[in-house]
Amino acid sequence: MNYLSSAQLKAIAKEKSLGKYGTLIGANLTILAIQLLVSGFSAPSGTRSILLIIINSLITIIINILLGVLVSGRAYLYMNLLYSQPVSTSDIFFGLRQQPQKAVTIQALFVLVDFIASIPAQIFMTRYITTRASSDMTAAVFLLGIGLIINIVVNLVYSQSFYILHDFPDRSAKEILATSRRLMKGNIFRLFYLNVTFIPLYLLGIITMFIPLLWIGVYRNATNCAFYQDLIAKAAGQENLN
């Protein structure tokens, strides 16, 4: 099965985005503003109370899970872009109307995996603050790396879930996640490599006053959606969607 190359996917993303960057950047900035606004509700209070730390962590988890409706809306926006449909900044709120409970369930997987995978490293980092033992710092760094790998793999395996949600809204969240897992079988490295190719652009954006990151974010989101479009088209040809 011949999939499109990274260069071809990027070319499609560029072509589809022409003349629509203002809308797409506005949508990304709106999502960022909402994320920053709601993150203020879970900002650290500076207290060392275990109870308050636990409560703060729970609030953070719940907020991040609920933000799944925006992730769903962003997927819908870029699917409209790639399928040559009209796009609007308001598309990012479509996740509030289209199966929001499924979007939240899917987002819960990513948030909880990220949280659980980070716990071991946090434990040893907390120990290091008290003991200043190099062994604790070494363990924290090692476990942080392991947690990062777990997080990346899970995000890649289930990366197509929000797109699938909009293409197959009748499927349950469990079925959507299973479909993403099947679609990504043999394609995990392809998507990983595709996203790695954006690192030089992000570095360039950082050293040039961050403003180019607005365009790079749109470029990457559109390319990832083009990846899904290619993936689902090939899978349909192979009748591998069930």
Protein backbone atom coordinates (compact mmCIF):
# COMPACT_ATOMS: atom_id res chain seq x y z
CA MET A 1 0.00 0.00 0.00
CA ASN A 2 1.56 3.26 -1.14
CA TYR A 3 0.88 6.12 1.24
CA LEU A 4 1.63 9.74 0.42
CA SER A 5 5.08 10.93 1.50
CA SER A 6 5.62 13.60 4.16
CA ALA A 7 6.49 16.09 1.42
CA GLN A 8 3.27 15.32 -0.44
CA LEU A 9 1.17 15.65 2.71
CA LYS A 10 2.78 19.01 3.47
CA ALA A 11 2.15 20.18 -0.10
CA ILE A 12 -1.54 19.31 0.27
CA ALA A 13 -1.70 21.16 3.59
CA LYS A 14 -0.12 24.26 2.06
CA GLU A 15 -2.48 24.22 -0.92
CA LYS A 16 -5.61 23.79 1.19
CA SER A 17 -4.55 26.51 3.65
CA LEU A 18 -3.97 29.21 1.02
CA GLY A 19 -6.26 32.16 1.59
CA LYS A 20 -7.51 30.74 4.88
CA TYR A 21 -4.60 31.43 7.22
CA GLY A 22 -6.40 34.30 8.92
CA THR A 23 -9.32 32.10 9.92
CA LEU A 24 -7.13 29.18 10.95
CA ILE A 25 -4.73 31.31 12.99
CA GLY A 26 -7.69 33.04 14.64
CA ALA A 27 -9.14 29.66 15.57
CA ASN A 28 -5.84 28.46 17.04
CA LEU A 29 -5.46 31.68 19.04
CA THR A 30 -9.03 31.36 20.34
CA ILE A 31 -8.31 27.82 21.56
CA LEU A 32 -5.08 29.00 23.18
CA ALA A 33 -6.86 31.89 24.91
CA ILE A 34 -9.54 29.56 26.29
CA GLN A 35 -6.90 27.11 27.51
CA LEU A 36 -5.00 29.88 29.27
CA LEU A 37 -8.19 31.25 30.79
CA VAL A 38 -9.40 27.96 32.23
CA SER A 39 -5.89 26.98 33.37
CA GLY A 40 -6.08 29.91 35.77
CA PHE A 41 -8.62 27.96 37.80
CA SER A 42 -6.01 25.31 38.52
CA ALA A 43 -3.01 27.57 39.05
CA PRO A 44 -0.74 26.47 41.94
CA SER A 45 -1.63 28.22 45.18
CA GLY A 46 1.88 27.99 46.60
CA THR A 47 0.70 25.89 49.50
CA ARG A 48 2.39 22.65 50.54
CA SER A 49 -0.81 21.12 51.90
CA ILE A 50 -1.15 17.59 50.51
CA LEU A 51 -4.94 17.90 50.44
CA LEU A 52 -4.84 21.15 48.44
CA ILE A 53 -2.24 19.71 46.06
CA ILE A 54 -4.49 16.70 45.42
CA ILE A 55 -7.53 18.91 44.90
CA ASN A 56 -5.57 21.15 42.53
CA SER A 57 -4.40 18.10 40.56
CA LEU A 58 -7.95 16.77 40.27
CA ILE A 59 -9.21 20.15 39.06
CA THR A 60 -6.43 20.27 36.46
CA ILE A 61 -7.26 16.77 35.22
CA ILE A 62 -10.98 17.53 34.96
CA ILE A 63 -10.37 20.81 33.10
CA ASN A 64 -7.97 19.17 30.64
CA ILE A 65 -10.46 16.38 30.01
CA LEU A 66 -13.29 18.82 29.37
CA LEU A 67 -11.08 20.68 26.89
CA GLY A 68 -11.51 17.61 24.70
CA VAL A 69 -14.51 19.37 23.13
CA LEU A 70 -12.11 22.01 21.76
CA VAL A 71 -9.72 19.35 20.46
CA SER A 72 -12.72 17.78 18.73
CA GLY A 73 -13.71 21.15 17.29
CA ARG A 74 -10.21 21.76 15.98
CA ALA A 75 -10.26 18.36 14.26
CA TYR A 76 -13.59 19.30 12.67
CA LEU A 77 -12.17 22.64 11.48
CA TYR A 78 -9.19 21.03 9.75
CA MET A 79 -11.32 18.25 8.28
CA ASN A 80 -13.47 20.94 6.67
CA LEU A 81 -10.27 22.52 5.35
CA LEU A 82 -8.90 19.31 3.87
CA TYR A 83 -12.24 18.27 2.40
CA SER A 84 -12.59 21.70 0.74
CA GLN A 85 -15.54 22.78 2.87
CA PRO A 86 -16.07 26.34 4.16
CA VAL A 87 -14.11 27.00 7.36
CA SER A 88 -14.93 29.36 10.21
CA THR A 89 -13.36 30.17 13.56
CA SER A 90 -16.65 29.07 15.13
CA ASP A 91 -15.94 25.52 13.89
CA ILE A 92 -13.81 24.97 16.99
CA PHE A 93 -17.00 24.96 19.07
CA PHE A 94 -18.58 22.23 16.96
CA GLY A 95 -17.31 19.70 19.50
CA LEU A 96 -19.84 21.14 21.97
CA ARG A 97 -22.66 20.07 19.65
CA GLN A 98 -21.26 16.93 18.03
CA GLN A 99 -20.99 14.06 20.52
CA PRO A 100 -19.30 16.07 23.33
CA GLN A 101 -19.48 13.11 25.72
CA LYS A 102 -17.44 10.99 23.29
CA ALA A 103 -14.90 13.79 22.82
CA VAL A 104 -14.48 14.04 26.58
CA THR A 105 -14.11 10.26 26.91
CA ILE A 106 -11.42 10.16 24.22
CA GLN A 107 -9.61 13.12 25.76
CA ALA A 108 -9.73 11.39 29.16
CA LEU A 109 -7.50 8.63 27.79
CA PHE A 110 -4.78 11.10 26.79
CA VAL A 111 -5.01 13.15 29.98
CA LEU A 112 -5.01 10.19 32.37
CA VAL A 113 -2.15 8.41 30.59
CA ASP A 114 -0.10 11.62 30.73
CA PHE A 115 -0.89 12.07 34.43
CA ILE A 116 -0.22 8.47 35.46
CA ALA A 117 2.98 8.23 33.41
CA SER A 118 4.33 11.36 35.13
CA ILE A 119 3.70 10.19 38.71
CA PRO A 120 6.89 8.08 39.21
CA ALA A 121 9.15 10.93 38.07
CA GLN A 122 7.29 13.41 40.27
CA ILE A 123 7.75 11.15 43.30
CA PHE A 124 11.51 11.01 42.87
CA MET A 125 11.72 14.72 42.09
CA THR A 126 9.89 15.44 45.33
CA ARG A 127 12.29 13.15 47.16
CA TYR A 128 15.25 14.95 45.59
CA ILE A 129 14.02 18.31 46.88
CA THR A 130 14.27 16.88 50.38
CA THR A 131 17.30 14.57 50.11
CA ARG A 132 19.36 16.28 47.39
CA ALA A 133 20.55 12.77 46.54
CA SER A 134 21.91 12.39 43.02
CA SER A 135 20.34 8.93 42.81
CA ASP A 136 16.90 10.48 43.24
CA MET A 137 17.58 13.00 40.47
CA THR A 138 18.88 10.24 38.19
CA ALA A 139 15.79 8.15 38.85
CA ALA A 140 13.54 11.16 38.22
CA VAL A 141 15.18 11.91 34.86
CA PHE A 142 15.08 8.26 33.82
CA LEU A 143 11.42 7.86 34.79
CA LEU A 144 10.58 11.16 33.10
CA GLY A 145 12.02 9.76 29.87
CA ILE A 146 10.05 6.54 30.23
CA GLY A 147 6.86 8.49 30.91
CA LEU A 148 7.51 10.65 27.85
CA ILE A 149 7.94 7.60 25.63
CA ILE A 150 4.70 6.07 26.94
CA ASN A 151 2.88 9.34 26.37
CA ILE A 152 4.18 9.71 22.79
CA VAL A 153 3.26 6.13 21.87
CA VAL A 154 -0.28 6.45 23.25
CA ASN A 155 -0.77 9.80 21.50
CA LEU A 156 0.39 8.31 18.19
CA VAL A 157 -1.68 5.13 18.45
CA TYR A 158 -4.89 7.02 19.18
CA SER A 159 -4.03 10.16 17.21
CA GLN A 160 -6.81 9.66 14.65
CA SER A 161 -9.62 9.37 17.20
CA PHE A 162 -11.04 12.89 16.93
CA TYR A 163 -11.07 12.75 13.13
CA ILE A 164 -12.82 9.36 13.27
CA LEU A 165 -15.36 10.83 15.70
CA HIS A 166 -16.54 13.23 13.00
CA ASP A 167 -16.41 10.74 10.13
CA PHE A 168 -18.17 8.02 12.11
CA PRO A 169 -20.27 9.79 14.77
CA ASP A 170 -22.46 6.71 15.34
CA ARG A 171 -19.55 4.73 16.75
CA SER A 172 -18.96 4.57 20.49
CA ALA A 173 -15.85 6.10 22.04
CA LYS A 174 -14.46 2.61 22.56
CA GLU A 175 -15.01 1.73 18.89
CA ILE A 176 -13.46 5.01 17.78
CA LEU A 177 -10.33 4.35 19.82
CA ALA A 178 -10.16 0.80 18.47
CA THR A 179 -10.49 2.11 14.90
CA SER A 180 -7.63 4.54 15.45
CA ARG A 181 -5.53 1.72 16.82
CA ARG A 182 -6.20 -0.40 13.71
CA LEU A 183 -5.54 2.48 11.32
CA MET A 184 -2.24 3.29 13.00
CA LYS A 185 -0.95 -0.28 12.89
CA GLY A 186 2.21 -0.03 10.81
CA ASN A 187 1.86 3.75 10.55
CA ILE A 188 3.09 4.92 13.95
CA PHE A 189 6.61 5.70 12.78
CA ARG A 190 5.27 7.50 9.69
CA LEU A 191 3.29 9.93 11.83
CA PHE A 192 6.13 10.28 14.33
CA TYR A 193 8.57 11.14 11.54
CA LEU A 194 6.07 13.55 9.97
CA ASN A 195 5.82 15.54 13.19
CA VAL A 196 9.58 15.42 13.80
CA THR A 197 10.10 17.18 10.46
CA PHE A 198 8.40 20.24 11.95
CA ILE A 199 11.00 20.63 14.73
CA PRO A 200 13.37 22.79 12.62
CA LEU A 201 10.46 25.09 11.75
CA TYR A 202 9.48 25.42 15.41
CA LEU A 203 13.09 26.20 16.35
CA LEU A 204 13.20 28.83 13.62
CA GLY A 205 9.93 30.27 14.90
CA ILE A 206 11.31 30.49 18.44
CA ILE A 207 14.46 32.35 17.42
CA THR A 208 12.48 34.77 15.23
CA MET A 209 10.32 36.26 17.97
CA PHE A 210 7.71 33.44 18.05
CA ILE A 211 5.35 35.11 15.54
CA PRO A 212 6.01 32.49 12.78
CA LEU A 213 4.70 29.85 15.21
CA LEU A 214 1.19 31.03 14.34
CA TRP A 215 1.63 29.87 10.74
CA ILE A 216 3.62 26.77 11.69
CA GLY A 217 0.84 25.60 14.01
CA VAL A 218 -1.69 25.84 11.17
CA TYR A 219 0.74 24.10 8.78
CA ARG A 220 1.28 21.19 11.18
CA ASN A 221 -2.40 20.77 12.03
CA ALA A 222 -3.35 20.76 8.35
CA THR A 223 -0.59 18.26 7.55
CA ASN A 224 -1.71 15.92 10.31
CA CYS A 225 -5.25 16.09 8.96
CA ALA A 226 -3.92 15.33 5.47
CA PHE A 227 -2.24 12.29 7.04
CA TYR A 228 -5.63 11.13 8.31
CA GLN A 229 -7.27 11.79 4.95
CA ASP A 230 -4.65 9.63 3.23
CA LEU A 231 -4.87 6.96 5.94
CA ILE A 232 -8.66 6.68 5.85
CA ALA A 233 -8.75 6.63 2.03
CA LYS A 234 -6.30 3.71 1.90
CA ALA A 235 -8.15 1.90 4.67
CA ALA A 236 -11.47 2.31 2.84
CA GLY A 237 -9.88 0.76 -0.21
CA GLN A 238 -8.80 -2.19 1.90
CA GLU A 239 -12.16 -2.30 3.77
CA ASN A 240 -10.25 -1.95 7.04
CA LEU A 241 -12.61 0.41 8.86
CA ASN A 242 -14.61 -2.04 10.93
